Amino acid sequence: MPGMLGYVVSFLLGLGVGGLYPMLRRRRPSTGTHSAGEIPAAVQESVTAFGEEVAASEFDASSSDATPAVLKEYRAMLEAYGRASAARTETDALAALRDGRAAMIRLDARRHGRPVPIDALPPAAAGPSRSRALTGTGERHVSTGSGDGAIEVLIDRPEPGRPALLEADVTGEGSFRLQTMTRTEDVTHTGRTLMSSIGEYHGRRYLPADATHLRITTTGWGDDIHWSTRLLPLSAATTLTSEHRGHGDEVLRHNGGPALLTVQFRTDTDTDWSVRYLCECLRTWEACDCRPPAWPKGAPGIPHGWLSDLVTGAGDGRSTLRLPRPGFVTVHEGSGSGSWYLTPQPVDIPPPPPKRQGRRR
């Protein structure tokens, strides 16, 4: 468990934040020891990792951009680390880690001019919340929970301000639903449902850059249902191969040039499915300024400008999707009971012209 940095933080908080940054740069957390059995080693490691993240944050509290709002987040981050390093129970350590990383996310957003996420409103007076406290080890980018309830998890992106991969695992009986939420100082917006399942689930989905929270709702029998989510950078997407088989939800990276992607689904029920192409510019089809290649006349796939980035179906199906350039392919078959087969066929045509700068108006 980190010791020395915790004492330094506690001492400096009493003095004010002006001199914090220079000392944090010079010191790294050391490993201390709690009484046996009080705090698991994995949680202690997470506190140590958070201390290293604090020390490496490279924020100068005396700089010109250290506004009162920024300093408030900076102080909250340091106070949380002090609580985490002094915690004597697993619950207290995890709560401090949650608060500290939330302050770190808000601090980074304020410093770089991004929308600042805020906490969800308190539960309505109509009844008590069934939300369950997060469990797990405090590992960064990972959240876990169990039992019936609804909870909102602040998104801690591996690459702040950029889309990410969202990976989820669900075990046990019951239903699981995951929605994106945007809660900032200026906007509150409920996004789309990314994942919905009954029973066991494993899958990956593309997480857009504007979401700030994940709303997770579970319904089961007592603590029988368990879930975990993990956030990964887009670079962790699996590379699309010449013959790619799978099931459920997945995000694949297309590294080649123009290609025709044959999409085949086999399901036991009439489950809906979809396959979408996302350009390497990471904009949706209506906002993408990248020019399409000169597809041969009569080439399969929907012509450009008519939702050419998406094919859908239900039950058994086969379709063709045009891949104009490197990018990502998202596969959605939420039930996980079926299977899919993707085969990209390169098309021997010149690559499309370089993309234009800026966005269409």
Protein backbone atom coordinates (compact mmCIF):
# COMPACT_ATOMS: atom_id res chain seq x y z
CA MET A 1 0.00 0.00 0.00
CA PRO A 2 1.49 3.41 -0.83
CA GLY A 3 2.71 5.19 2.26
CA MET A 4 5.10 8.12 1.80
CA LEU A 5 3.15 9.90 -0.96
CA GLY A 6 0.02 9.68 1.21
CA TYR A 7 1.75 11.52 4.04
CA VAL A 8 3.13 14.09 1.61
CA VAL A 9 -0.34 14.69 0.18
CA SER A 10 -1.87 15.07 3.66
CA PHE A 11 0.81 17.54 4.69
CA LEU A 12 0.58 19.60 1.52
CA LEU A 13 -3.21 19.73 1.59
CA GLY A 14 -2.87 21.54 4.89
CA LEU A 15 -0.60 24.09 3.24
CA GLY A 16 -2.73 24.65 0.12
CA VAL A 17 -2.29 23.47 -3.45
CA GLY A 18 0.27 25.98 -4.66
CA GLY A 19 3.32 23.82 -3.96
CA LEU A 20 1.88 20.38 -4.63
CA TYR A 21 3.02 19.77 -8.18
CA PRO A 22 6.80 20.10 -7.73
CA MET A 23 6.88 17.64 -4.83
CA LEU A 24 4.59 15.13 -6.52
CA ARG A 25 6.85 15.13 -9.56
CA ARG A 26 9.85 14.27 -7.40
CA ARG A 27 8.21 11.49 -5.44
CA ARG A 28 6.61 8.21 -6.42
CA PRO A 29 4.44 6.16 -4.07
CA SER A 30 6.18 3.51 -2.07
CA THR A 31 4.58 0.31 -0.92
CA GLY A 32 3.43 0.12 2.69
CA THR A 33 1.68 -2.64 4.60
CA HIS A 34 -1.75 -3.01 6.17
CA SER A 35 -2.73 -5.63 8.68
CA ALA A 36 -3.21 -9.00 7.08
CA GLY A 37 -6.65 -9.64 5.64
CA GLU A 38 -7.92 -6.05 5.78
CA ILE A 39 -7.39 -4.91 2.19
CA PRO A 40 -6.75 -7.39 -0.67
CA ALA A 41 -3.41 -7.12 -2.43
CA ALA A 42 -5.14 -6.31 -5.76
CA VAL A 43 -6.84 -3.28 -4.19
CA GLN A 44 -3.55 -2.15 -2.65
CA GLU A 45 -1.97 -2.39 -6.10
CA SER A 46 -4.78 -0.25 -7.55
CA VAL A 47 -4.16 2.43 -4.90
CA THR A 48 -0.45 2.36 -5.71
CA ALA A 49 -1.24 2.68 -9.45
CA PHE A 50 -3.55 5.64 -8.74
CA GLY A 51 -0.79 7.33 -6.76
CA GLU A 52 1.55 6.94 -9.71
CA GLU A 53 -1.12 8.41 -12.01
CA VAL A 54 -1.49 11.38 -9.66
CA ALA A 55 2.27 11.91 -9.53
CA ALA A 56 2.51 11.68 -13.32
CA SER A 57 -0.39 14.04 -14.01
CA GLU A 58 2.05 16.91 -14.66
CA PHE A 59 -0.29 19.64 -13.48
CA ASP A 60 1.27 22.81 -12.15
CA ALA A 61 -1.10 24.31 -9.59
CA SER A 62 0.65 27.67 -9.91
CA SER A 63 0.22 27.93 -13.70
CA SER A 64 -1.98 30.52 -15.38
CA ASP A 65 -4.62 27.96 -16.40
CA ALA A 66 -5.15 26.84 -12.80
CA THR A 67 -8.62 28.35 -12.45
CA PRO A 68 -10.62 27.92 -9.23
CA ALA A 69 -12.64 25.12 -10.88
CA VAL A 70 -9.46 23.34 -11.98
CA LEU A 71 -7.86 23.70 -8.55
CA LYS A 72 -11.01 22.30 -6.94
CA GLU A 73 -10.70 19.12 -9.02
CA TYR A 74 -6.96 18.95 -8.34
CA ARG A 75 -7.50 19.18 -4.60
CA ALA A 76 -10.32 16.58 -4.73
CA MET A 77 -8.00 14.18 -6.59
CA LEU A 78 -5.27 14.58 -4.00
CA GLU A 79 -7.64 14.31 -1.06
CA ALA A 80 -9.04 11.09 -2.51
CA TYR A 81 -5.56 9.65 -2.84
CA GLY A 82 -4.86 10.56 0.76
CA ARG A 83 -8.03 8.71 1.83
CA ALA A 84 -7.19 5.70 -0.32
CA SER A 85 -3.65 5.42 1.01
CA ALA A 86 -4.88 5.67 4.62
CA ALA A 87 -7.90 3.37 4.20
CA ARG A 88 -8.27 0.47 6.59
CA THR A 89 -11.10 -1.34 4.81
CA GLU A 90 -11.61 -2.49 1.23
CA THR A 91 -14.85 -0.51 0.97
CA ASP A 92 -13.17 2.74 1.99
CA ALA A 93 -10.26 2.19 -0.40
CA LEU A 94 -12.57 1.48 -3.35
CA ALA A 95 -14.76 4.50 -2.56
CA ALA A 96 -11.70 6.75 -2.43
CA LEU A 97 -10.39 5.34 -5.72
CA ARG A 98 -13.76 6.00 -7.38
CA ASP A 99 -13.82 9.60 -6.13
CA GLY A 100 -10.20 10.21 -7.05
CA ARG A 101 -10.47 8.94 -10.59
CA ALA A 102 -13.67 10.93 -11.10
CA ALA A 103 -11.84 14.09 -10.04
CA MET A 104 -8.95 13.17 -12.36
CA ILE A 105 -11.36 12.81 -15.31
CA ARG A 106 -13.00 16.17 -14.57
CA LEU A 107 -9.60 17.82 -14.13
CA ASP A 108 -8.37 16.55 -17.49
CA ALA A 109 -11.60 17.66 -19.19
CA ARG A 110 -11.36 21.19 -17.77
CA ARG A 111 -7.69 21.52 -18.70
CA HIS A 112 -8.30 20.47 -22.31
CA GLY A 113 -11.59 22.27 -22.95
CA ARG A 114 -13.78 19.16 -23.17
CA PRO A 115 -17.29 18.87 -21.68
CA VAL A 116 -17.04 18.19 -17.95
CA PRO A 117 -19.01 15.14 -16.74
CA ILE A 118 -21.17 15.48 -13.65
CA ASP A 119 -22.77 12.99 -11.27
CA ALA A 120 -26.29 11.72 -11.85
CA LEU A 121 -29.10 13.40 -9.96
CA PRO A 122 -30.12 11.85 -6.61
CA PRO A 123 -32.81 9.12 -6.76
CA ALA A 124 -36.39 10.37 -7.07
CA ALA A 125 -38.33 10.73 -3.84
CA ALA A 126 -40.86 8.14 -5.06
CA GLY A 127 -38.78 5.31 -3.70
CA PRO A 128 -35.31 4.17 -2.64
CA SER A 129 -32.71 3.40 -5.27
CA ARG A 130 -31.88 -0.25 -5.85
CA SER A 131 -28.41 0.62 -7.07
CA ARG A 132 -25.61 -1.57 -5.77
CA ALA A 133 -22.15 -0.32 -4.91
CA LEU A 134 -19.43 -1.22 -7.34
CA THR A 135 -17.18 -4.07 -6.32
CA GLY A 136 -13.99 -5.45 -7.82
CA THR A 137 -10.40 -4.44 -7.23
CA GLY A 138 -10.42 -0.81 -8.28
CA GLU A 139 -8.54 -1.64 -11.49
CA ARG A 140 -8.66 1.32 -13.83
CA HIS A 141 -11.11 1.11 -16.78
CA VAL A 142 -12.90 -1.87 -15.15
CA SER A 143 -16.26 -1.82 -13.33
CA THR A 144 -18.15 -4.72 -11.79
CA GLY A 145 -21.46 -5.32 -10.07
CA SER A 146 -24.03 -7.94 -9.11
CA GLY A 147 -27.67 -8.39 -8.24
CA ASP A 148 -30.77 -6.43 -9.17
CA GLY A 149 -30.47 -2.70 -9.65
CA ALA A 150 -29.58 0.27 -11.79
CA ILE A 151 -26.33 2.19 -11.62
CA GLU A 152 -24.48 4.82 -13.64
CA VAL A 153 -20.74 4.40 -14.11
CA LEU A 154 -18.53 7.34 -15.05
CA ILE A 155 -16.55 6.48 -18.20
CA ASP A 156 -12.79 6.54 -17.69
CA ARG A 157 -11.48 6.44 -21.25
CA PRO A 158 -8.07 4.95 -22.07
CA GLU A 159 -7.71 7.82 -24.58
CA PRO A 160 -9.56 10.90 -23.23
CA GLY A 161 -11.85 12.53 -25.75
CA ARG A 162 -11.71 9.60 -28.19
CA PRO A 163 -14.02 6.65 -28.94
CA ALA A 164 -13.20 3.37 -27.22
CA LEU A 165 -13.97 -0.34 -27.18
CA LEU A 166 -16.46 -1.43 -24.53
CA GLU A 167 -16.19 -5.07 -23.48
CA ALA A 168 -18.79 -6.65 -21.20
CA ASP A 169 -19.15 -10.04 -19.50
CA VAL A 170 -22.34 -11.20 -17.79
CA THR A 171 -22.87 -14.47 -15.91
CA GLY A 172 -25.87 -15.94 -14.10
CA GLU A 173 -29.59 -15.71 -14.72
CA GLY A 174 -31.43 -12.48 -15.38
CA SER A 175 -31.45 -9.55 -17.77
CA PHE A 176 -28.68 -7.06 -18.47
CA ARG A 177 -29.05 -3.73 -20.26
CA LEU A 178 -26.36 -1.13 -20.92
CA GLN A 179 -27.11 2.36 -22.25
CA THR A 180 -24.85 5.30 -22.92
CA MET A 181 -25.52 8.57 -21.10
CA THR A 182 -24.20 12.07 -21.56
CA ARG A 183 -24.22 14.07 -18.32
CA THR A 184 -22.17 17.24 -18.44
CA GLU A 185 -22.46 20.72 -16.99
CA ASP A 186 -24.33 21.75 -20.15
CA VAL A 187 -26.13 18.66 -21.49
CA THR A 188 -28.04 15.65 -20.19
CA HIS A 189 -28.93 13.11 -22.85
CA THR A 190 -29.87 9.44 -22.82
CA GLY A 191 -28.08 7.63 -25.62
CA ARG A 192 -28.70 4.34 -27.34
CA THR A 193 -28.78 0.86 -25.85
CA LEU A 194 -25.44 -0.75 -26.67
CA MET A 195 -26.01 -4.12 -25.04
CA SER A 196 -29.10 -6.05 -23.97
CA SER A 197 -29.21 -9.72 -23.02
CA ILE A 198 -30.88 -12.37 -20.92
CA GLY A 199 -28.52 -14.85 -19.33
CA GLU A 200 -24.83 -15.05 -20.08
CA TYR A 201 -23.27 -12.51 -22.43
CA HIS A 202 -19.85 -11.60 -23.77
CA GLY A 203 -19.28 -8.97 -26.41
CA ARG A 204 -17.58 -5.81 -27.57
CA ARG A 205 -19.23 -2.62 -28.79
CA TYR A 206 -17.98 0.69 -30.20
CA LEU A 207 -18.33 3.44 -27.57
CA PRO A 208 -18.76 6.94 -29.11
CA ALA A 209 -16.71 9.84 -27.85
CA ASP A 210 -19.59 11.96 -26.54
CA ALA A 211 -20.88 9.51 -23.88
CA THR A 212 -19.81 10.31 -20.31
CA HIS A 213 -21.55 7.54 -18.34
CA LEU A 214 -22.78 3.97 -18.71
CA ARG A 215 -26.23 3.22 -17.29
CA ILE A 216 -26.41 -0.46 -16.34
CA THR A 217 -29.72 -2.07 -15.35
CA THR A 218 -29.94 -5.67 -14.16
CA THR A 219 -32.89 -7.82 -13.15
CA GLY A 220 -32.40 -11.29 -11.74
CA TRP A 221 -32.87 -13.27 -8.57
CA GLY A 222 -30.91 -11.81 -5.68
CA ASP A 223 -27.18 -11.79 -6.36
CA ASP A 224 -27.36 -14.44 -9.07
CA ILE A 225 -26.36 -12.10 -11.90
CA HIS A 226 -22.80 -10.71 -12.10
CA TRP A 227 -21.40 -8.29 -14.66
CA SER A 228 -18.17 -6.54 -15.53
CA THR A 229 -17.21 -3.94 -18.11
CA ARG A 230 -13.77 -3.04 -19.43
CA LEU A 231 -12.76 -0.07 -21.60
CA LEU A 232 -10.02 -0.53 -24.19
CA PRO A 233 -8.47 1.77 -26.81
CA LEU A 234 -9.63 1.27 -30.40
CA SER A 235 -6.16 -0.04 -31.19
CA ALA A 236 -7.15 -3.18 -29.27
CA ALA A 237 -9.78 -4.09 -31.90
CA THR A 238 -9.28 -7.49 -33.51
CA THR A 239 -7.99 -7.34 -37.09
CA LEU A 240 -10.48 -8.49 -39.74
CA THR A 241 -9.07 -11.54 -41.49
CA SER A 242 -9.81 -13.01 -44.93
CA GLU A 243 -12.25 -15.48 -43.31
CA HIS A 244 -13.57 -14.25 -40.00
CA ARG A 245 -16.01 -16.29 -37.91
CA GLY A 246 -17.62 -15.32 -34.64
CA HIS A 247 -20.80 -14.80 -32.66
CA GLY A 248 -22.36 -12.04 -30.62
CA ASP A 249 -21.14 -8.44 -30.65
CA GLU A 250 -17.67 -7.56 -31.94
CA VAL A 251 -15.56 -4.67 -33.26
CA LEU A 252 -13.02 -5.47 -35.99
CA ARG A 253 -10.29 -3.41 -37.61
CA HIS A 254 -10.13 -3.35 -41.44
CA ASN A 255 -6.55 -2.53 -42.45
CA GLY A 256 -6.87 -2.96 -46.22
CA GLY A 257 -8.02 -0.86 -49.14
CA PRO A 258 -11.35 -1.04 -51.01
CA ALA A 259 -13.09 -4.38 -50.47
CA LEU A 260 -16.49 -6.02 -50.70
CA LEU A 261 -17.44 -7.62 -47.41
CA THR A 262 -19.74 -10.65 -47.65
CA VAL A 263 -21.82 -10.89 -44.47
CA GLN A 264 -23.51 -14.19 -43.50
CA PHE A 265 -25.56 -14.84 -40.35
CA ARG A 266 -26.97 -18.07 -39.00
CA THR A 267 -29.33 -17.83 -36.01
CA ASP A 268 -31.72 -20.17 -34.23
CA THR A 269 -34.33 -17.41 -33.89
CA ASP A 270 -35.34 -14.30 -35.81
CA THR A 271 -32.81 -12.22 -33.91
CA ASP A 272 -31.98 -8.87 -35.51
CA TRP A 273 -28.40 -8.33 -36.61
CA SER A 274 -26.39 -5.56 -38.20
CA VAL A 275 -22.92 -4.92 -39.59
CA ARG A 276 -21.66 -1.37 -39.91
CA TYR A 277 -18.54 0.16 -41.43
CA LEU A 278 -16.98 3.17 -39.71
CA CYS A 279 -14.39 5.16 -41.64
CA GLU A 280 -10.94 5.62 -40.13
CA CYS A 281 -11.86 9.29 -39.69
CA LEU A 282 -14.27 8.02 -36.99
CA ARG A 283 -17.21 10.02 -38.33
CA THR A 284 -20.61 8.62 -39.17
CA TRP A 285 -21.62 8.27 -42.82
CA GLU A 286 -23.55 11.54 -42.91
CA ALA A 287 -20.61 13.53 -41.47
CA CYS A 288 -17.70 11.76 -43.17
CA ASP A 289 -15.92 13.91 -45.77
CA CYS A 290 -13.79 11.06 -47.15
CA ARG A 291 -14.48 10.44 -50.83
CA PRO A 292 -15.58 6.96 -51.96
CA PRO A 293 -13.48 4.98 -54.42
CA ALA A 294 -14.64 4.52 -58.01
CA TRP A 295 -16.50 1.26 -57.50
CA PRO A 296 -16.92 -0.84 -60.68
CA LYS A 297 -20.31 -0.50 -62.28
CA GLY A 298 -22.66 -3.12 -60.91
CA ALA A 299 -20.53 -3.84 -57.84
CA PRO A 300 -22.59 -5.34 -54.98
CA GLY A 301 -23.50 -3.16 -52.03
CA ILE A 302 -25.64 -0.08 -51.66
CA PRO A 303 -24.40 2.98 -53.60
CA HIS A 304 -22.72 5.77 -51.67
CA GLY A 305 -25.13 8.16 -49.99
CA TRP A 306 -27.80 5.54 -49.21
CA LEU A 307 -26.69 4.32 -45.77
CA SER A 308 -23.81 2.62 -47.53
CA ASP A 309 -22.12 1.96 -44.20
CA LEU A 310 -24.77 -0.47 -42.86
CA VAL A 311 -26.43 -3.80 -43.63
CA THR A 312 -29.13 -5.34 -41.42
CA GLY A 313 -31.26 -8.44 -41.25
CA ALA A 314 -33.06 -10.91 -39.00
CA GLY A 315 -32.54 -14.64 -38.65
CA ASP A 316 -30.49 -16.32 -41.36
CA GLY A 317 -29.22 -13.78 -43.86
CA ARG A 318 -26.57 -12.83 -46.37
CA SER A 319 -25.59 -9.37 -47.62
CA THR A 320 -22.70 -7.33 -48.99
CA LEU A 321 -21.11 -4.25 -47.46
CA ARG A 322 -18.63 -1.95 -49.19
CA LEU A 323 -15.42 -1.16 -47.31
CA PRO A 324 -13.94 1.89 -49.09
CA ARG A 325 -10.75 2.27 -47.01
CA PRO A 326 -9.22 1.29 -43.65
CA GLY A 327 -11.61 1.63 -40.76
CA PHE A 328 -13.69 -0.41 -38.34
CA VAL A 329 -16.43 -3.01 -38.78
CA THR A 330 -18.93 -3.38 -35.94
CA VAL A 331 -20.98 -6.58 -35.72
CA HIS A 332 -24.14 -6.68 -33.60
CA GLU A 333 -25.97 -9.90 -32.80
CA GLY A 334 -26.95 -9.37 -29.22
CA SER A 335 -28.40 -12.77 -28.40
CA GLY A 336 -25.06 -14.51 -28.87
CA SER A 337 -26.92 -17.68 -29.86
CA GLY A 338 -26.16 -17.39 -33.56
CA SER A 339 -22.97 -17.18 -35.56
CA TRP A 340 -21.61 -14.96 -38.31
CA TYR A 341 -19.08 -15.29 -41.09
CA LEU A 342 -17.36 -12.32 -42.74
CA THR A 343 -15.25 -12.58 -45.88
CA PRO A 344 -13.66 -9.40 -47.32
CA GLN A 345 -12.74 -9.56 -51.02
CA PRO A 346 -10.26 -6.84 -52.11
CA VAL A 347 -11.33 -4.83 -55.16
CA ASP A 348 -8.57 -3.87 -57.62
CA ILE A 349 -9.37 -0.19 -58.03
CA PRO A 350 -7.38 2.97 -57.23
CA PRO A 351 -7.70 4.10 -53.63
CA PRO A 352 -10.05 7.02 -52.99
CA PRO A 353 -8.59 10.54 -53.04
CA PRO A 354 -7.31 11.95 -49.75
CA LYS A 355 -10.03 13.15 -47.45
CA ARG A 356 -10.89 16.85 -47.40
CA GLN A 357 -10.16 18.86 -44.30
CA GLY A 358 -13.06 20.02 -42.20
CA ARG A 359 -16.69 18.91 -42.21
CA ARG A 360 -19.48 19.39 -44.70
CA ARG A 361 -21.92 22.12 -43.90
